[in-house]
Amino acid sequence: MTDAAPRAESMTLREARRLQLGAQAFPGRPPAHAAAANRRVGDVFESLGLLQIDSVSTVARSHVLPHFARLGAYDPAVLERLHTRPSSPALEYWAHEASIVPRALYPALRAVQQRAWVSASDSPEERDALVPHILKALESSSAPMSSRDLAAALDVQARRERGHWGWNWAPLKHALGDLFESGRVLSAGRNAQFERLYVPAARMVGPDVVVPSREDAVRTLTARALRALGIASASSIADYYRVPARETTTALRALEAAGQAVRRRVEGQKTEWWADPNGKPMRGRGVDALLTPFDPLVFDRRRLAELWGMEYALEFYVPAARRRYGYFVMPFLQGDRLTARADVRLDRAASVLRVQAYYPEESADSETLPRLTAAAERLGDWLGADRTQMPATLATGPGLLTAESSHVD
């Protein structure tokens, strides 16, 4: 006979939200000045455990925005130094998606991440034949190389050795994807075009990475995801580092037996959730911030709906006429609630941060619009915009489209 699972304590939605905000490094109030914010960049990253990378830069590169949401006007160069040097405490690898992750998690991620689609190719023989040439080129280069750098270098070599114009571009990219996933090459940052800069893996992590067993890796990643989330469903914890849900549940039970995870009943949820027994809720009023859709607080759309009451879908690839809310739609965190969403774009040519549309949620109140406006102005100032432009015609209920524009200077 097996022991029954411990009875789960109950939590209100607000208690669960504040516990998650605390785990996600949202402060009760923002740092007083930029120097204080810069000192906390590493601590925030350590709490989050990953920053998702995405090429969309409608407002800014998405991986720099979560820190701004938590700290205000920090220097992104401080964040870049965390993951672009051989001695840096972080590096880029596959996690939720391509992400900046703590260096300490790299072995565990190597054990579980399998992105076969990255290196899938219509020309597997050509892809595999490229591998030794890529490794040789990277070893012989003192500087990191982008895929374009490698394409140029290998074209010269290929014409000489094979008697035709060179390697096919697609197999080269697929070969690099395979080498990156398998840990034979890594990234030393991104260039101005946001292309990954490749180096031999040993330059970033040393020659002797010990990859743990899959079971140990899943437990490590599950524990780290639970710590980063504070409280969440098993499926949401699994999604954080893209670990299979069944293995995550097994790991959570093992963590429970070790006193490192507890079950909770959260208001309105059909299943038990899991909480970090050492998690601390956010204190104070909290901050107001527009969140990138790739922020760890909101990138799990199911968790976003269950805990925060916001149904959200990316509309980047939806034809403009069929979009419901807009292209780059940022949820608005108002203290400890998500009360609105806004379609935001940085018009770099005009030096204007444009809030093109604003949509209040059912949780919005009379303070939502002025607080969102102030948050947008702070974001615009940090991005170097001369002014922020808000919509003039404002919706009065959830999901109503806004139209004409006026200026907020």
Protein backbone atom coordinates (compact mmCIF):
# COMPACT_ATOMS: atom_id res chain seq x y z
CA MET A 1 0.00 0.00 0.00
CA THR A 2 1.35 3.44 -0.90
CA ASP A 3 1.00 6.51 1.32
CA ALA A 4 -1.71 8.93 0.31
CA ALA A 5 -0.56 12.27 -1.05
CA PRO A 6 -0.51 15.06 1.57
CA ARG A 7 -3.63 17.19 1.71
CA ALA A 8 -3.09 20.32 -0.34
CA GLU A 9 -3.59 23.70 1.31
CA SER A 10 -5.82 26.20 -0.47
CA MET A 11 -4.78 29.55 -1.93
CA THR A 12 -6.75 32.38 -3.47
CA LEU A 13 -5.91 33.54 -6.98
CA ARG A 14 -4.45 36.76 -5.58
CA GLU A 15 -2.21 34.84 -3.18
CA ALA A 16 -1.02 32.58 -6.01
CA ARG A 17 -0.37 35.56 -8.30
CA ARG A 18 1.66 37.38 -5.67
CA LEU A 19 3.65 34.23 -4.93
CA GLN A 20 4.46 33.89 -8.63
CA LEU A 21 5.35 37.58 -8.93
CA GLY A 22 7.75 37.22 -6.01
CA ALA A 23 9.39 34.18 -7.59
CA GLN A 24 9.61 36.05 -10.90
CA ALA A 25 11.61 38.85 -9.23
CA PHE A 26 8.96 41.56 -9.44
CA PRO A 27 9.72 44.01 -6.63
CA GLY A 28 7.27 45.74 -4.33
CA ARG A 29 8.62 48.95 -5.78
CA PRO A 30 11.19 49.62 -8.51
CA PRO A 31 14.82 50.51 -7.78
CA ALA A 32 15.37 54.18 -7.02
CA HIS A 33 17.90 54.80 -9.79
CA ALA A 34 19.76 53.16 -12.68
CA ALA A 35 22.83 52.24 -10.64
CA ALA A 36 20.65 50.28 -8.22
CA ALA A 37 18.87 48.61 -11.12
CA ASN A 38 22.17 47.58 -12.73
CA ARG A 39 23.34 45.98 -9.49
CA ARG A 40 20.28 43.72 -9.54
CA VAL A 41 20.51 42.51 -13.14
CA GLY A 42 22.30 39.30 -12.18
CA ASP A 43 19.93 38.56 -9.30
CA VAL A 44 16.88 38.98 -11.52
CA PHE A 45 18.36 36.66 -14.12
CA GLU A 46 19.16 34.08 -11.45
CA SER A 47 15.54 34.19 -10.27
CA LEU A 48 14.10 33.83 -13.76
CA GLY A 49 16.45 31.04 -14.85
CA LEU A 50 16.03 31.90 -18.54
CA LEU A 51 15.39 34.71 -20.99
CA GLN A 52 13.72 33.70 -24.23
CA ILE A 53 15.39 35.04 -27.38
CA ASP A 54 13.33 36.11 -30.36
CA SER A 55 14.16 37.98 -33.54
CA VAL A 56 11.07 40.23 -33.36
CA SER A 57 12.25 43.74 -32.45
CA THR A 58 9.09 45.81 -32.90
CA VAL A 59 9.79 47.49 -29.55
CA ALA A 60 13.21 46.06 -28.65
CA ARG A 61 14.89 42.68 -28.62
CA SER A 62 12.60 40.67 -26.39
CA HIS A 63 15.29 39.27 -24.09
CA VAL A 64 16.14 42.76 -22.79
CA LEU A 65 12.54 43.66 -21.88
CA PRO A 66 11.89 41.37 -18.86
CA HIS A 67 14.60 43.13 -16.86
CA PHE A 68 13.15 46.53 -17.70
CA ALA A 69 9.72 45.35 -16.51
CA ARG A 70 11.23 44.47 -13.13
CA LEU A 71 13.97 47.06 -12.71
CA GLY A 72 13.13 50.05 -14.85
CA ALA A 73 15.89 51.91 -16.65
CA TYR A 74 18.84 49.52 -16.42
CA ASP A 75 21.76 49.28 -18.86
CA PRO A 76 21.26 46.36 -21.30
CA ALA A 77 25.03 46.11 -21.68
CA VAL A 78 25.13 44.71 -18.14
CA LEU A 79 22.81 41.92 -19.24
CA GLU A 80 24.81 41.23 -22.41
CA ARG A 81 27.97 40.74 -20.36
CA LEU A 82 26.21 37.96 -18.46
CA HIS A 83 26.25 35.61 -21.46
CA THR A 84 28.76 36.65 -24.12
CA ARG A 85 32.10 35.85 -22.49
CA PRO A 86 33.76 32.51 -21.74
CA SER A 87 33.72 33.40 -18.04
CA SER A 88 30.10 34.64 -18.08
CA PRO A 89 27.59 32.99 -15.73
CA ALA A 90 25.13 32.38 -18.58
CA LEU A 91 25.05 31.29 -22.21
CA GLU A 92 22.62 30.69 -25.05
CA TYR A 93 21.05 27.27 -25.51
CA TRP A 94 17.69 25.60 -26.09
CA ALA A 95 15.34 25.88 -23.11
CA HIS A 96 11.75 27.12 -23.43
CA GLU A 97 12.91 28.14 -26.88
CA ALA A 98 16.31 29.54 -27.82
CA SER A 99 17.18 31.24 -24.55
CA ILE A 100 19.85 32.73 -22.37
CA VAL A 101 20.22 30.25 -19.51
CA PRO A 102 22.43 29.91 -16.43
CA ARG A 103 25.67 28.15 -17.30
CA ALA A 104 25.01 25.73 -14.44
CA LEU A 105 21.91 24.41 -16.24
CA TYR A 106 23.67 23.71 -19.53
CA PRO A 107 24.55 20.05 -18.74
CA ALA A 108 20.97 19.27 -17.70
CA LEU A 109 19.56 20.97 -20.77
CA ARG A 110 21.95 19.02 -22.97
CA ALA A 111 20.52 15.82 -21.50
CA VAL A 112 16.89 16.59 -22.33
CA GLN A 113 16.76 18.98 -25.27
CA GLN A 114 16.14 17.29 -28.60
CA ARG A 115 15.26 19.65 -31.42
CA ALA A 116 15.62 17.34 -34.40
CA TRP A 117 13.64 19.75 -36.58
CA VAL A 118 16.48 22.27 -36.28
CA SER A 119 18.86 20.08 -38.29
CA ALA A 120 16.28 18.39 -40.52
CA SER A 121 17.44 18.76 -44.09
CA ASP A 122 16.54 17.75 -47.60
CA SER A 123 20.27 17.10 -48.10
CA PRO A 124 21.43 15.15 -45.04
CA GLU A 125 24.55 13.86 -46.80
CA GLU A 126 25.64 17.38 -47.69
CA ARG A 127 24.79 18.58 -44.19
CA ASP A 128 26.87 15.83 -42.58
CA ALA A 129 29.74 16.43 -44.98
CA LEU A 130 29.83 20.08 -43.90
CA VAL A 131 30.35 19.32 -40.22
CA PRO A 132 34.14 18.78 -40.22
CA HIS A 133 34.63 21.86 -42.39
CA ILE A 134 32.56 24.00 -40.01
CA LEU A 135 34.48 22.75 -36.99
CA LYS A 136 37.79 23.35 -38.70
CA ALA A 137 36.81 26.89 -39.69
CA LEU A 138 35.68 27.74 -36.16
CA GLU A 139 38.80 26.25 -34.58
CA SER A 140 41.06 28.23 -36.88
CA SER A 141 39.24 31.53 -36.28
CA SER A 142 40.19 33.65 -33.29
CA ALA A 143 36.82 35.42 -33.47
CA PRO A 144 33.26 34.05 -33.33
CA MET A 145 31.69 33.46 -36.76
CA SER A 146 28.14 33.93 -37.97
CA SER A 147 26.53 31.55 -40.43
CA ARG A 148 27.26 34.10 -43.15
CA ASP A 149 30.91 34.24 -42.15
CA LEU A 150 31.05 30.47 -42.38
CA ALA A 151 29.24 30.46 -45.71
CA ALA A 152 31.85 32.84 -47.14
CA ALA A 153 34.76 30.85 -45.75
CA LEU A 154 33.41 27.48 -46.89
CA ASP A 155 32.55 28.71 -50.38
CA VAL A 156 36.24 29.31 -51.01
CA GLN A 157 37.20 25.92 -49.65
CA ALA A 158 34.34 24.12 -51.42
CA ARG A 159 35.14 25.54 -54.84
CA ARG A 160 38.70 24.39 -54.47
CA GLU A 161 37.85 20.90 -53.21
CA ARG A 162 34.64 20.08 -55.04
CA GLY A 163 34.85 22.04 -58.28
CA HIS A 164 31.53 23.88 -58.04
CA TRP A 165 30.22 27.11 -56.57
CA GLY A 166 29.98 25.88 -53.00
CA TRP A 167 27.83 24.43 -50.29
CA ASN A 168 24.08 24.81 -50.37
CA TRP A 169 22.99 27.47 -47.85
CA ALA A 170 20.22 25.37 -46.23
CA PRO A 171 22.43 22.36 -45.35
CA LEU A 172 24.94 24.76 -43.78
CA LYS A 173 22.29 26.20 -41.47
CA HIS A 174 21.00 22.73 -40.64
CA ALA A 175 24.51 21.50 -39.88
CA LEU A 176 25.03 24.45 -37.52
CA GLY A 177 21.71 23.68 -35.82
CA ASP A 178 22.79 20.08 -35.28
CA LEU A 179 26.18 21.11 -33.91
CA PHE A 180 24.57 23.65 -31.58
CA GLU A 181 22.02 21.19 -30.23
CA SER A 182 24.64 18.50 -29.66
CA GLY A 183 26.89 20.90 -27.80
CA ARG A 184 29.82 20.84 -30.22
CA VAL A 185 29.46 24.55 -30.96
CA LEU A 186 27.91 27.31 -28.86
CA SER A 187 27.05 30.97 -29.20
CA ALA A 188 29.26 33.82 -28.00
CA GLY A 189 26.48 36.35 -28.53
CA ARG A 190 24.70 37.89 -31.49
CA ASN A 191 25.81 40.45 -34.06
CA ALA A 192 24.02 43.64 -35.11
CA GLN A 193 21.82 41.61 -37.49
CA PHE A 194 20.96 39.33 -34.55
CA GLU A 195 22.75 36.38 -36.14
CA ARG A 196 24.20 33.87 -33.72
CA LEU A 197 28.00 34.07 -33.41
CA TYR A 198 29.42 30.56 -33.20
CA VAL A 199 32.51 29.31 -31.40
CA PRO A 200 33.75 25.82 -30.54
CA ALA A 201 31.90 24.78 -27.40
CA ALA A 202 35.10 24.30 -25.41
CA ARG A 203 35.74 28.05 -25.56
CA MET A 204 32.53 28.70 -23.65
CA VAL A 205 32.18 25.71 -21.30
CA GLY A 206 35.55 23.97 -21.31
CA PRO A 207 36.35 20.58 -22.78
CA ASP A 208 34.87 18.34 -20.08
CA VAL A 209 31.13 18.92 -19.73
CA VAL A 210 29.59 16.05 -17.76
CA VAL A 211 26.04 15.45 -19.02
CA PRO A 212 23.89 13.92 -16.24
CA SER A 213 21.43 11.09 -16.61
CA ARG A 214 18.08 12.09 -18.03
CA GLU A 215 16.35 11.40 -14.71
CA ASP A 216 18.75 13.65 -12.80
CA ALA A 217 18.53 16.33 -15.50
CA VAL A 218 14.72 16.37 -15.42
CA ARG A 219 14.74 16.69 -11.65
CA THR A 220 17.25 19.56 -11.80
CA LEU A 221 15.22 21.44 -14.40
CA THR A 222 11.93 20.77 -12.63
CA ALA A 223 13.30 22.13 -9.36
CA ARG A 224 14.65 25.21 -11.10
CA ALA A 225 11.37 25.83 -12.95
CA LEU A 226 9.37 25.49 -9.73
CA ARG A 227 11.68 27.98 -8.01
CA ALA A 228 11.30 30.43 -10.91
CA LEU A 229 7.51 30.17 -10.97
CA GLY A 230 6.80 29.92 -7.24
CA ILE A 231 3.54 28.15 -7.98
CA ALA A 232 2.14 26.55 -11.14
CA SER A 233 0.52 23.47 -12.57
CA ALA A 234 2.69 20.49 -13.46
CA SER A 235 2.18 21.20 -17.16
CA SER A 236 3.32 24.80 -16.74
CA ILE A 237 6.39 23.73 -14.80
CA ALA A 238 7.18 21.27 -17.60
CA ASP A 239 6.75 23.98 -20.22
CA TYR A 240 9.29 26.31 -18.61
CA TYR A 241 12.25 24.27 -19.91
CA ARG A 242 10.20 22.18 -22.35
CA VAL A 243 10.51 18.92 -20.41
CA PRO A 244 7.87 16.20 -21.04
CA ALA A 245 4.95 16.56 -18.63
CA ARG A 246 4.94 12.96 -17.44
CA GLU A 247 8.62 13.09 -16.48
CA THR A 248 8.05 16.45 -14.78
CA THR A 249 5.26 15.00 -12.64
CA THR A 250 7.51 12.14 -11.57
CA ALA A 251 10.22 14.65 -10.66
CA LEU A 252 7.75 16.78 -8.69
CA ARG A 253 6.76 13.78 -6.59
CA ALA A 254 10.41 13.09 -5.88
CA LEU A 255 10.92 16.73 -4.91
CA GLU A 256 7.84 16.51 -2.69
CA ALA A 257 9.30 13.51 -0.89
CA ALA A 258 12.47 15.52 -0.31
CA GLY A 259 10.55 18.50 1.05
CA GLN A 260 11.31 20.66 -1.99
CA ALA A 261 7.79 20.88 -3.44
CA VAL A 262 4.31 21.09 -1.94
CA ARG A 263 0.84 20.72 -3.41
CA ARG A 264 -1.63 23.58 -3.39
CA ARG A 265 -5.27 24.03 -4.28
CA VAL A 266 -5.65 27.29 -6.16
CA GLU A 267 -8.99 29.05 -6.41
CA GLY A 268 -10.79 28.17 -9.64
CA GLN A 269 -8.32 25.48 -10.77
CA LYS A 270 -9.49 21.93 -11.44
CA THR A 271 -6.20 20.24 -10.62
CA GLU A 272 -3.70 20.57 -7.81
CA TRP A 273 -0.80 22.92 -8.43
CA TRP A 274 2.72 22.74 -7.07
CA ALA A 275 4.49 25.38 -5.01
CA ASP A 276 8.01 26.10 -3.86
CA PRO A 277 7.91 25.71 -0.05
CA ASN A 278 10.58 28.40 0.23
CA GLY A 279 8.85 30.83 -2.13
CA LYS A 280 8.13 34.36 -0.92
CA PRO A 281 5.23 36.45 -2.26
CA MET A 282 5.83 39.88 -3.71
CA ARG A 283 5.64 42.56 -1.06
CA GLY A 284 4.09 45.97 -1.47
CA ARG A 285 2.11 47.44 -4.32
CA GLY A 286 4.30 46.06 -7.09
CA VAL A 287 5.29 47.70 -10.35
CA ASP A 288 3.43 48.73 -13.48
CA ALA A 289 4.94 47.38 -16.67
CA LEU A 290 4.19 46.49 -20.26
CA LEU A 291 5.40 42.92 -20.76
CA THR A 292 6.89 41.39 -23.86
CA PRO A 293 4.82 38.32 -24.87
CA PHE A 294 8.05 36.34 -24.35
CA ASP A 295 8.38 37.35 -20.69
CA PRO A 296 8.65 34.25 -18.48
CA LEU A 297 5.64 35.45 -16.52
CA VAL A 298 3.37 35.19 -19.55
CA PHE A 299 4.95 33.02 -22.27
CA ASP A 300 2.91 29.99 -21.19
CA ARG A 301 -0.47 30.94 -22.65
CA ARG A 302 -2.35 28.31 -20.64
CA ARG A 303 -0.90 29.60 -17.37
CA LEU A 304 -1.64 33.14 -18.51
CA ALA A 305 -5.32 32.22 -18.85
CA GLU A 306 -5.63 30.06 -15.74
CA LEU A 307 -3.80 32.25 -13.24
CA TRP A 308 -4.09 35.71 -14.74
CA GLY A 309 -7.39 35.48 -16.62
CA MET A 310 -6.00 36.65 -19.97
CA GLU A 311 -6.57 34.75 -23.19
CA TYR A 312 -3.64 35.58 -25.45
CA ALA A 313 -2.36 34.49 -28.85
CA LEU A 314 0.58 35.77 -30.87
CA GLU A 315 -0.59 37.48 -34.04
CA PHE A 316 2.74 38.16 -35.76
CA TYR A 317 1.95 35.76 -38.58
CA VAL A 318 -1.75 36.58 -38.86
CA PRO A 319 -2.67 38.82 -41.84
CA ALA A 320 -3.21 42.38 -40.61
CA ALA A 321 -6.91 42.39 -41.52
CA ARG A 322 -7.51 39.30 -39.37
CA ARG A 323 -5.67 40.41 -36.25
CA ARG A 324 -7.88 40.92 -33.24
CA TYR A 325 -5.51 43.05 -31.17
CA GLY A 326 -2.44 43.91 -33.24
CA TYR A 327 1.07 42.87 -34.17
CA PHE A 328 3.16 43.23 -30.98
CA VAL A 329 0.65 43.14 -28.16
CA MET A 330 2.04 43.66 -24.65
CA PRO A 331 0.07 42.58 -21.55
CA PHE A 332 -0.01 45.32 -18.91
CA LEU A 333 0.90 44.36 -15.33
CA GLN A 334 -0.74 46.75 -12.89
CA GLY A 335 0.70 45.85 -9.51
CA ASP A 336 -0.52 42.28 -9.05
CA ARG A 337 -3.07 42.11 -11.88
CA LEU A 338 -3.01 42.02 -15.68
CA THR A 339 -5.53 44.73 -16.47
CA ALA A 340 -5.01 45.57 -20.15
CA ARG A 341 -3.07 44.87 -23.30
CA ALA A 342 -1.61 47.32 -25.80
CA ASP A 343 -0.35 47.09 -29.36
CA VAL A 344 3.02 48.85 -29.19
CA ARG A 345 5.61 49.81 -31.80
CA LEU A 346 8.81 51.81 -31.64
CA ASP A 347 8.91 54.08 -34.68
CA ARG A 348 12.66 54.48 -34.85
CA ALA A 349 12.63 56.86 -37.81
CA ALA A 350 10.30 59.31 -36.04
CA SER A 351 11.69 58.56 -32.55
CA VAL A 352 8.20 57.83 -31.24
CA LEU A 353 6.96 54.93 -29.13
CA ARG A 354 3.48 54.38 -30.52
CA VAL A 355 0.81 52.70 -28.43
CA GLN A 356 -1.37 51.98 -31.43
CA ALA A 357 -4.28 50.43 -29.57
CA TYR A 358 -5.30 49.82 -25.98
CA TYR A 359 -7.62 47.08 -24.73
CA PRO A 360 -8.74 47.00 -21.08
CA GLU A 361 -9.44 43.63 -19.48
CA GLU A 362 -12.38 42.98 -17.17
CA SER A 363 -9.99 43.59 -14.26
CA ALA A 364 -9.27 47.16 -15.41
CA ASP A 365 -10.20 50.09 -13.17
CA SER A 366 -10.09 53.87 -13.29
CA GLU A 367 -6.33 53.83 -12.67
CA THR A 368 -5.49 51.45 -15.51
CA LEU A 369 -5.20 53.92 -18.38
CA PRO A 370 -3.14 56.58 -16.56
CA ARG A 371 -0.84 53.92 -15.10
CA LEU A 372 -0.42 52.23 -18.49
CA THR A 373 0.30 55.62 -20.06
CA ALA A 374 2.98 56.33 -17.45
CA ALA A 375 4.48 52.86 -17.99
CA ALA A 376 4.56 53.44 -21.76
CA GLU A 377 6.28 56.80 -21.27
CA ARG A 378 8.95 55.20 -19.06
CA LEU A 379 9.50 52.51 -21.69
CA GLY A 380 9.77 55.11 -24.44
CA ASP A 381 12.27 57.16 -22.45
CA TRP A 382 14.41 54.07 -21.82
CA LEU A 383 14.35 53.19 -25.52
CA GLY A 384 15.46 56.72 -26.42
CA ALA A 385 12.22 57.84 -28.04
CA ASP A 386 11.59 61.59 -28.09
CA ARG A 387 7.96 61.07 -27.16
CA THR A 388 5.25 58.50 -26.57
CA GLN A 389 2.02 58.51 -28.56
CA MET A 390 -1.18 57.12 -27.05
CA PRO A 391 -4.50 56.41 -28.82
CA ALA A 392 -7.06 59.21 -28.58
CA THR A 393 -10.19 57.06 -28.83
CA LEU A 394 -10.07 54.64 -25.94
CA ALA A 395 -12.04 51.45 -25.47
CA THR A 396 -14.41 51.32 -22.51
CA GLY A 397 -14.60 47.55 -22.22
CA PRO A 398 -12.49 44.45 -22.85
CA GLY A 399 -11.60 43.65 -26.42
CA LEU A 400 -12.81 46.91 -27.99
CA LEU A 401 -10.57 48.36 -30.69
CA THR A 402 -9.12 51.83 -30.27
CA ALA A 403 -8.47 54.10 -33.18
CA GLU A 404 -7.21 57.66 -33.71
CA SER A 405 -4.02 58.94 -32.14
CA SER A 406 -3.00 61.85 -29.98
CA HIS A 407 0.33 62.71 -28.41
CA VAL A 408 1.61 62.29 -24.88
CA ASP A 409 4.77 64.36 -24.57
